[in-house]
């Protein structure tokens, strides 16, 4: 078991123990770069009968360590989220699990040229195609004291509540809207991800929001992964 994982990437891909390549996301966002006592999960992209599937290898994972998830950046959420949910449960509920052991996504920080990590074990994925705006209405007492903002991430655009934005204007527009709308309340961001979104884009938005580093802005630990064919009002145009 390696004590520390800090790699400088050249090709922005990594190899598993079986020498199979995974192209991990490349992101210009700072993350954790040192993790002690870890083992690795590998999720490969495979094509079978013209279908894209996620091939999971966790043979070398140890429940008493942190788990690092190395996932091919081209995989869509609809094929990786079910596997991630199962792995989260196994890591947390294993007979040998220990408190303080976390799950991390890996990516290449293109600024430092090093492998970096984003902790995600607190995330709970909602895959019943219920959007956050409906969930907030059902649980209005829980969220009534927040400045609630619903974000919907699609392959070609982002929606801020009921307004569509282009990807390149998302961060600036969101921060301006928070400043305008908060009125002294703590803001809570509610994240909705189209299940056609690639893992590369998913982690891009996740790391960006994580690096806001603003105590006045919270992100709900629930993440809504939806099928646009089942949610007619998703804002997916």
C-alpha atoms as a PDB file:
ATOM      1  CA  UNK A   1       0.000   0.000   0.000  1.00  0.00           C
ATOM      2  CA  UNK A   2       1.485   3.315  -1.010  1.00  0.00           C
ATOM      3  CA  UNK A   3       1.615   5.792   1.840  1.00  0.00           C
ATOM      4  CA  UNK A   4       1.312   8.883  -0.333  1.00  0.00           C
ATOM      5  CA  UNK A   5       0.033   9.558  -3.844  1.00  0.00           C
ATOM      6  CA  UNK A   6       1.443  12.665  -5.526  1.00  0.00           C
ATOM      7  CA  UNK A   7       2.001  12.227  -9.257  1.00  0.00           C
ATOM      8  CA  UNK A   8       3.138  14.612 -11.951  1.00  0.00           C
ATOM      9  CA  UNK A   9       1.158  13.797 -15.092  1.00  0.00           C
ATOM     10  CA  UNK A  10       2.579  14.137 -18.576  1.00  0.00           C
ATOM     11  CA  UNK A  11      -0.030  12.500 -20.789  1.00  0.00           C
ATOM     12  CA  UNK A  12      -2.935  13.234 -18.419  1.00  0.00           C
ATOM     13  CA  UNK A  13      -3.799   9.566 -18.294  1.00  0.00           C
ATOM     14  CA  UNK A  14      -3.051   6.945 -15.675  1.00  0.00           C
ATOM     15  CA  UNK A  15      -2.588   3.207 -15.778  1.00  0.00           C
ATOM     16  CA  UNK A  16      -4.124   0.638 -13.492  1.00  0.00           C
ATOM     17  CA  UNK A  17      -2.282  -2.378 -12.158  1.00  0.00           C
ATOM     18  CA  UNK A  18      -3.480  -4.290 -15.228  1.00  0.00           C
ATOM     19  CA  UNK A  19      -1.909  -1.644 -17.536  1.00  0.00           C
ATOM     20  CA  UNK A  20      -5.241  -0.423 -18.851  1.00  0.00           C
ATOM     21  CA  UNK A  21      -5.437   3.294 -19.503  1.00  0.00           C
ATOM     22  CA  UNK A  22      -7.907   5.703 -17.968  1.00  0.00           C
ATOM     23  CA  UNK A  23      -8.052   9.277 -19.222  1.00  0.00           C
ATOM     24  CA  UNK A  24      -8.922  11.263 -16.113  1.00  0.00           C
ATOM     25  CA  UNK A  25     -10.445  14.777 -16.190  1.00  0.00           C
ATOM     26  CA  UNK A  26      -8.149  17.736 -16.807  1.00  0.00           C
ATOM     27  CA  UNK A  27      -9.202  20.750 -14.727  1.00  0.00           C
ATOM     28  CA  UNK A  28      -7.652  24.117 -13.919  1.00  0.00           C
ATOM     29  CA  UNK A  29      -8.846  23.892 -10.320  1.00  0.00           C
ATOM     30  CA  UNK A  30      -6.871  23.400  -7.119  1.00  0.00           C
ATOM     31  CA  UNK A  31      -7.544  20.258  -5.119  1.00  0.00           C
ATOM     32  CA  UNK A  32      -6.036  18.020  -2.450  1.00  0.00           C
ATOM     33  CA  UNK A  33      -2.677  16.651  -3.594  1.00  0.00           C
ATOM     34  CA  UNK A  34      -1.602  14.447  -0.702  1.00  0.00           C
ATOM     35  CA  UNK A  35      -3.548  11.484   0.615  1.00  0.00           C
ATOM     36  CA  UNK A  36      -2.085   8.998   3.068  1.00  0.00           C
ATOM     37  CA  UNK A  37      -3.331   5.435   3.497  1.00  0.00           C
ATOM     38  CA  UNK A  38      -5.329   4.938   0.307  1.00  0.00           C
ATOM     39  CA  UNK A  39      -6.404   2.279  -2.159  1.00  0.00           C
ATOM     40  CA  UNK A  40      -7.794   2.681  -5.644  1.00  0.00           C
ATOM     41  CA  UNK A  41     -10.973   2.161  -7.615  1.00  0.00           C
ATOM     42  CA  UNK A  42     -10.718   2.064 -11.402  1.00  0.00           C
ATOM     43  CA  UNK A  43     -13.693   2.721 -13.682  1.00  0.00           C
ATOM     44  CA  UNK A  44     -12.850   2.097 -17.330  1.00  0.00           C
ATOM     45  CA  UNK A  45     -14.730   3.022 -20.470  1.00  0.00           C
ATOM     46  CA  UNK A  46     -15.726   0.061 -22.601  1.00  0.00           C
ATOM     47  CA  UNK A  47     -17.849  -0.261 -25.737  1.00  0.00           C
ATOM     48  CA  UNK A  48     -19.993  -3.375 -26.073  1.00  0.00           C
ATOM     49  CA  UNK A  49     -22.546  -3.808 -28.858  1.00  0.00           C
ATOM     50  CA  UNK A  50     -22.285  -0.067 -29.555  1.00  0.00           C
ATOM     51  CA  UNK A  51     -23.175   0.735 -25.928  1.00  0.00           C
ATOM     52  CA  UNK A  52     -20.892   2.652 -23.570  1.00  0.00           C
ATOM     53  CA  UNK A  53     -20.440   0.832 -20.287  1.00  0.00           C
ATOM     54  CA  UNK A  54     -18.449   1.375 -17.093  1.00  0.00           C
ATOM     55  CA  UNK A  55     -16.102  -1.457 -16.187  1.00  0.00           C
ATOM     56  CA  UNK A  56     -15.288  -1.295 -12.473  1.00  0.00           C
ATOM     57  CA  UNK A  57     -12.146  -2.746 -10.909  1.00  0.00           C
ATOM     58  CA  UNK A  58     -11.883  -2.522  -7.114  1.00  0.00           C
ATOM     59  CA  UNK A  59      -9.958  -5.739  -6.471  1.00  0.00           C
ATOM     60  CA  UNK A  60      -7.243  -3.952  -4.515  1.00  0.00           C
ATOM     61  CA  UNK A  61      -9.467  -1.756  -2.353  1.00  0.00           C
ATOM     62  CA  UNK A  62      -9.142  -2.050   1.416  1.00  0.00           C
ATOM     63  CA  UNK A  63     -12.054  -0.860   3.537  1.00  0.00           C
ATOM     64  CA  UNK A  64      -9.774   0.619   6.224  1.00  0.00           C
ATOM     65  CA  UNK A  65      -8.208   3.071   3.738  1.00  0.00           C
ATOM     66  CA  UNK A  66      -9.329   6.139   1.825  1.00  0.00           C
ATOM     67  CA  UNK A  67     -10.645   5.203  -1.629  1.00  0.00           C
ATOM     68  CA  UNK A  68      -9.491   7.109  -4.699  1.00  0.00           C
ATOM     69  CA  UNK A  69     -11.829   6.847  -7.702  1.00  0.00           C
ATOM     70  CA  UNK A  70     -10.033   6.997 -11.063  1.00  0.00           C
ATOM     71  CA  UNK A  71     -12.784   7.394 -13.662  1.00  0.00           C
ATOM     72  CA  UNK A  72     -12.492   7.840 -17.414  1.00  0.00           C
ATOM     73  CA  UNK A  73     -13.476  11.395 -18.265  1.00  0.00           C
ATOM     74  CA  UNK A  74     -15.545  10.377 -21.315  1.00  0.00           C
ATOM     75  CA  UNK A  75     -18.025   8.237 -19.382  1.00  0.00           C
ATOM     76  CA  UNK A  76     -21.516   9.753 -18.993  1.00  0.00           C
ATOM     77  CA  UNK A  77     -23.093  10.030 -15.567  1.00  0.00           C
ATOM     78  CA  UNK A  78     -25.873   7.592 -16.414  1.00  0.00           C
ATOM     79  CA  UNK A  79     -23.380   4.709 -16.579  1.00  0.00           C
ATOM     80  CA  UNK A  80     -21.101   5.624 -13.652  1.00  0.00           C
ATOM     81  CA  UNK A  81     -23.455   6.900 -10.935  1.00  0.00           C
ATOM     82  CA  UNK A  82     -25.018   3.480 -10.189  1.00  0.00           C
ATOM     83  CA  UNK A  83     -21.526   2.035  -9.669  1.00  0.00           C
ATOM     84  CA  UNK A  84     -20.429   4.970  -7.507  1.00  0.00           C
ATOM     85  CA  UNK A  85     -23.503   4.585  -5.274  1.00  0.00           C
ATOM     86  CA  UNK A  86     -22.758   0.887  -4.738  1.00  0.00           C
ATOM     87  CA  UNK A  87     -19.084   1.567  -4.003  1.00  0.00           C
ATOM     88  CA  UNK A  88     -19.917   4.343  -1.537  1.00  0.00           C
ATOM     89  CA  UNK A  89     -22.160   1.923   0.334  1.00  0.00           C
ATOM     90  CA  UNK A  90     -19.531  -0.851   0.364  1.00  0.00           C
ATOM     91  CA  UNK A  91     -16.840   1.490   1.654  1.00  0.00           C
ATOM     92  CA  UNK A  92     -19.029   2.917   4.394  1.00  0.00           C
ATOM     93  CA  UNK A  93     -20.871  -0.220   5.463  1.00  0.00           C
ATOM     94  CA  UNK A  94     -18.143  -2.836   5.246  1.00  0.00           C
ATOM     95  CA  UNK A  95     -17.569  -4.850   8.420  1.00  0.00           C
ATOM     96  CA  UNK A  96     -13.977  -3.524   8.505  1.00  0.00           C
ATOM     97  CA  UNK A  97     -14.779   0.115   7.658  1.00  0.00           C
ATOM     98  CA  UNK A  98     -13.276   2.793   9.881  1.00  0.00           C
ATOM     99  CA  UNK A  99     -14.459   6.309  10.685  1.00  0.00           C
ATOM    100  CA  UNK A 100     -12.457   9.032   8.998  1.00  0.00           C
ATOM    101  CA  UNK A 101     -11.892   7.146   5.749  1.00  0.00           C
ATOM    102  CA  UNK A 102     -13.138   9.110   2.747  1.00  0.00           C
ATOM    103  CA  UNK A 103     -13.935   8.761  -0.958  1.00  0.00           C
ATOM    104  CA  UNK A 104     -12.103  10.999  -3.450  1.00  0.00           C
ATOM    105  CA  UNK A 105     -12.409  11.687  -7.170  1.00  0.00           C
ATOM    106  CA  UNK A 106      -9.064  12.054  -8.974  1.00  0.00           C
ATOM    107  CA  UNK A 107      -8.245  14.551 -11.717  1.00  0.00           C
ATOM    108  CA  UNK A 108      -5.280  16.327 -13.258  1.00  0.00           C
ATOM    109  CA  UNK A 109      -4.741  19.890 -12.046  1.00  0.00           C
ATOM    110  CA  UNK A 110      -3.498  21.514 -15.263  1.00  0.00           C
ATOM    111  CA  UNK A 111      -2.021  24.442 -13.333  1.00  0.00           C
ATOM    112  CA  UNK A 112       0.264  22.419 -11.058  1.00  0.00           C
ATOM    113  CA  UNK A 113       0.510  19.431 -13.471  1.00  0.00           C
ATOM    114  CA  UNK A 114      -0.211  17.128 -10.532  1.00  0.00           C
ATOM    115  CA  UNK A 115      -2.808  14.549  -9.706  1.00  0.00           C
ATOM    116  CA  UNK A 116      -5.405  16.128  -7.409  1.00  0.00           C
ATOM    117  CA  UNK A 117      -8.425  14.941  -5.462  1.00  0.00           C
ATOM    118  CA  UNK A 118     -11.926  16.061  -4.502  1.00  0.00           C
ATOM    119  CA  UNK A 119     -13.618  14.487  -1.469  1.00  0.00           C
ATOM    120  CA  UNK A 120     -17.205  13.416  -2.127  1.00  0.00           C
ATOM    121  CA  UNK A 121     -18.243  10.816   0.460  1.00  0.00           C
ATOM    122  CA  UNK A 122     -20.889  13.148   1.948  1.00  0.00           C
ATOM    123  CA  UNK A 123     -22.748  13.307  -1.385  1.00  0.00           C
ATOM    124  CA  UNK A 124     -26.068  11.479  -1.623  1.00  0.00           C
ATOM    125  CA  UNK A 125     -27.200  10.858  -5.197  1.00  0.00           C
ATOM    126  CA  UNK A 126     -30.909  11.133  -6.000  1.00  0.00           C
ATOM    127  CA  UNK A 127     -31.554   9.195  -9.210  1.00  0.00           C
ATOM    128  CA  UNK A 128     -35.354   9.177  -9.314  1.00  0.00           C
ATOM    129  CA  UNK A 129     -35.436  12.105 -11.791  1.00  0.00           C
ATOM    130  CA  UNK A 130     -36.864  14.436  -9.179  1.00  0.00           C
ATOM    131  CA  UNK A 131     -35.417  17.922  -9.566  1.00  0.00           C
ATOM    132  CA  UNK A 132     -34.252  20.016  -6.635  1.00  0.00           C
ATOM    133  CA  UNK A 133     -36.929  22.670  -7.102  1.00  0.00           C
ATOM    134  CA  UNK A 134     -39.621  20.026  -6.524  1.00  0.00           C
ATOM    135  CA  UNK A 135     -37.691  18.550  -3.607  1.00  0.00           C
ATOM    136  CA  UNK A 136     -37.458  21.968  -1.948  1.00  0.00           C
ATOM    137  CA  UNK A 137     -41.223  22.451  -2.266  1.00  0.00           C
ATOM    138  CA  UNK A 138     -41.837  19.078  -0.617  1.00  0.00           C
ATOM    139  CA  UNK A 139     -39.352  19.890   2.164  1.00  0.00           C
ATOM    140  CA  UNK A 140     -39.942  23.639   2.392  1.00  0.00           C
ATOM    141  CA  UNK A 141     -39.478  23.776   6.180  1.00  0.00           C
ATOM    142  CA  UNK A 142     -35.918  22.464   5.862  1.00  0.00           C
ATOM    143  CA  UNK A 143     -34.876  25.109   3.354  1.00  0.00           C
ATOM    144  CA  UNK A 144     -37.057  28.113   4.186  1.00  0.00           C
ATOM    145  CA  UNK A 145     -34.263  30.119   5.826  1.00  0.00           C
ATOM    146  CA  UNK A 146     -31.852  29.843   2.881  1.00  0.00           C
ATOM    147  CA  UNK A 147     -31.438  31.755  -0.332  1.00  0.00           C
ATOM    148  CA  UNK A 148     -32.092  28.671  -2.460  1.00  0.00           C
ATOM    149  CA  UNK A 149     -30.606  28.534  -5.950  1.00  0.00           C
ATOM    150  CA  UNK A 150     -31.271  25.657  -8.325  1.00  0.00           C
ATOM    151  CA  UNK A 151     -28.525  24.870 -10.825  1.00  0.00           C
ATOM    152  CA  UNK A 152     -29.140  22.501 -13.731  1.00  0.00           C
ATOM    153  CA  UNK A 153     -26.141  21.231 -15.687  1.00  0.00           C
ATOM    154  CA  UNK A 154     -26.667  19.939 -19.224  1.00  0.00           C
ATOM    155  CA  UNK A 155     -24.120  18.945 -21.877  1.00  0.00           C
ATOM    156  CA  UNK A 156     -24.466  22.277 -23.699  1.00  0.00           C
ATOM    157  CA  UNK A 157     -25.675  24.778 -21.129  1.00  0.00           C
ATOM    158  CA  UNK A 158     -26.380  25.573 -17.491  1.00  0.00           C
ATOM    159  CA  UNK A 159     -29.627  26.831 -16.005  1.00  0.00           C
ATOM    160  CA  UNK A 160     -29.670  29.147 -12.995  1.00  0.00           C
ATOM    161  CA  UNK A 161     -33.215  28.767 -11.662  1.00  0.00           C
ATOM    162  CA  UNK A 162     -35.243  29.465 -14.825  1.00  0.00           C
ATOM    163  CA  UNK A 163     -32.560  31.311 -16.804  1.00  0.00           C
ATOM    164  CA  UNK A 164     -30.278  29.617 -19.317  1.00  0.00           C
ATOM    165  CA  UNK A 165     -26.588  30.486 -19.376  1.00  0.00           C
ATOM    166  CA  UNK A 166     -23.776  29.515 -21.668  1.00  0.00           C
ATOM    167  CA  UNK A 167     -21.047  27.483 -19.990  1.00  0.00           C
ATOM    168  CA  UNK A 168     -18.378  30.187 -20.232  1.00  0.00           C
ATOM    169  CA  UNK A 169     -20.478  32.761 -18.341  1.00  0.00           C
ATOM    170  CA  UNK A 170     -21.671  30.466 -15.572  1.00  0.00           C
ATOM    171  CA  UNK A 171     -19.279  31.310 -12.736  1.00  0.00           C
ATOM    172  CA  UNK A 172     -19.423  35.100 -13.072  1.00  0.00           C
ATOM    173  CA  UNK A 173     -23.195  35.160 -13.493  1.00  0.00           C
ATOM    174  CA  UNK A 174     -23.761  32.867 -10.514  1.00  0.00           C
ATOM    175  CA  UNK A 175     -21.625  34.921  -8.138  1.00  0.00           C
ATOM    176  CA  UNK A 176     -23.316  38.143  -9.251  1.00  0.00           C
ATOM    177  CA  UNK A 177     -26.748  36.575  -8.777  1.00  0.00           C
ATOM    178  CA  UNK A 178     -25.872  35.336  -5.291  1.00  0.00           C
ATOM    179  CA  UNK A 179     -24.732  38.799  -4.264  1.00  0.00           C
ATOM    180  CA  UNK A 180     -27.918  40.330  -5.663  1.00  0.00           C
ATOM    181  CA  UNK A 181     -30.412  37.779  -4.309  1.00  0.00           C
ATOM    182  CA  UNK A 182     -29.086  36.737  -0.904  1.00  0.00           C
ATOM    183  CA  UNK A 183     -30.515  39.679   1.103  1.00  0.00           C
ATOM    184  CA  UNK A 184     -28.528  38.659   4.176  1.00  0.00           C
ATOM    185  CA  UNK A 185     -29.445  34.979   3.982  1.00  0.00           C
ATOM    186  CA  UNK A 186     -26.985  32.145   3.629  1.00  0.00           C
ATOM    187  CA  UNK A 187     -27.135  30.791   0.078  1.00  0.00           C
ATOM    188  CA  UNK A 188     -27.633  27.105  -0.612  1.00  0.00           C
ATOM    189  CA  UNK A 189     -26.880  25.737  -4.067  1.00  0.00           C
ATOM    190  CA  UNK A 190     -28.932  22.760  -5.225  1.00  0.00           C
ATOM    191  CA  UNK A 191     -27.274  20.771  -8.008  1.00  0.00           C
ATOM    192  CA  UNK A 192     -29.096  18.968 -10.812  1.00  0.00           C
ATOM    193  CA  UNK A 193     -27.067  16.990 -13.347  1.00  0.00           C
ATOM    194  CA  UNK A 194     -28.358  15.707 -16.668  1.00  0.00           C
ATOM    195  CA  UNK A 195     -27.381  12.039 -16.792  1.00  0.00           C
ATOM    196  CA  UNK A 196     -26.002  12.582 -20.318  1.00  0.00           C
ATOM    197  CA  UNK A 197     -23.334  14.888 -18.890  1.00  0.00           C
ATOM    198  CA  UNK A 198     -19.784  13.574 -19.173  1.00  0.00           C
ATOM    199  CA  UNK A 199     -17.741  12.864 -16.064  1.00  0.00           C
ATOM    200  CA  UNK A 200     -15.235  15.502 -17.264  1.00  0.00           C
ATOM    201  CA  UNK A 201     -17.930  18.201 -17.207  1.00  0.00           C
ATOM    202  CA  UNK A 202     -19.440  16.919 -13.964  1.00  0.00           C
ATOM    203  CA  UNK A 203     -16.144  17.225 -12.125  1.00  0.00           C
ATOM    204  CA  UNK A 204     -15.446  20.601 -13.745  1.00  0.00           C
ATOM    205  CA  UNK A 205     -18.562  22.077 -12.144  1.00  0.00           C
ATOM    206  CA  UNK A 206     -18.019  20.257  -8.854  1.00  0.00           C
ATOM    207  CA  UNK A 207     -14.453  21.514  -8.368  1.00  0.00           C
ATOM    208  CA  UNK A 208     -15.376  25.044  -9.421  1.00  0.00           C
ATOM    209  CA  UNK A 209     -18.175  25.265  -6.863  1.00  0.00           C
ATOM    210  CA  UNK A 210     -16.032  23.644  -4.181  1.00  0.00           C
ATOM    211  CA  UNK A 211     -13.363  26.306  -4.673  1.00  0.00           C
ATOM    212  CA  UNK A 212     -15.693  29.233  -4.027  1.00  0.00           C
ATOM    213  CA  UNK A 213     -14.467  28.979  -0.399  1.00  0.00           C
ATOM    214  CA  UNK A 214     -17.198  31.275   0.866  1.00  0.00           C
ATOM    215  CA  UNK A 215     -18.889  30.562   4.196  1.00  0.00           C
ATOM    216  CA  UNK A 216     -22.003  32.354   2.950  1.00  0.00           C
ATOM    217  CA  UNK A 217     -22.434  29.795   0.135  1.00  0.00           C
ATOM    218  CA  UNK A 218     -23.370  26.203   0.944  1.00  0.00           C
ATOM    219  CA  UNK A 219     -23.892  23.313  -1.463  1.00  0.00           C
ATOM    220  CA  UNK A 220     -26.599  20.783  -0.680  1.00  0.00           C
ATOM    221  CA  UNK A 221     -25.132  17.313  -0.109  1.00  0.00           C
ATOM    222  CA  UNK A 222     -28.008  15.901  -2.184  1.00  0.00           C
ATOM    223  CA  UNK A 223     -27.250  15.762  -5.906  1.00  0.00           C
ATOM    224  CA  UNK A 224     -30.082  15.181  -8.366  1.00  0.00           C
ATOM    225  CA  UNK A 225     -29.133  13.018 -11.363  1.00  0.00           C
ATOM    226  CA  UNK A 226     -31.987  13.109 -13.861  1.00  0.00           C
ATOM    227  CA  UNK A 227     -33.115  11.615 -17.146  1.00  0.00           C
ATOM    228  CA  UNK A 228     -34.354  14.504 -19.273  1.00  0.00           C
ATOM    229  CA  UNK A 229     -36.898  12.236 -20.968  1.00  0.00           C
ATOM    230  CA  UNK A 230     -38.585  11.734 -17.591  1.00  0.00           C
ATOM    231  CA  UNK A 231     -38.526  15.386 -16.514  1.00  0.00           C
ATOM    232  CA  UNK A 232     -40.396  17.577 -19.020  1.00  0.00           C
ATOM    233  CA  UNK A 233     -39.622  20.802 -17.143  1.00  0.00           C
ATOM    234  CA  UNK A 234     -35.899  20.152 -16.648  1.00  0.00           C
ATOM    235  CA  UNK A 235     -34.694  23.096 -18.705  1.00  0.00           C
ATOM    236  CA  UNK A 236     -32.606  21.016 -21.066  1.00  0.00           C
ATOM    237  CA  UNK A 237     -33.002  22.854 -24.363  1.00  0.00           C
END
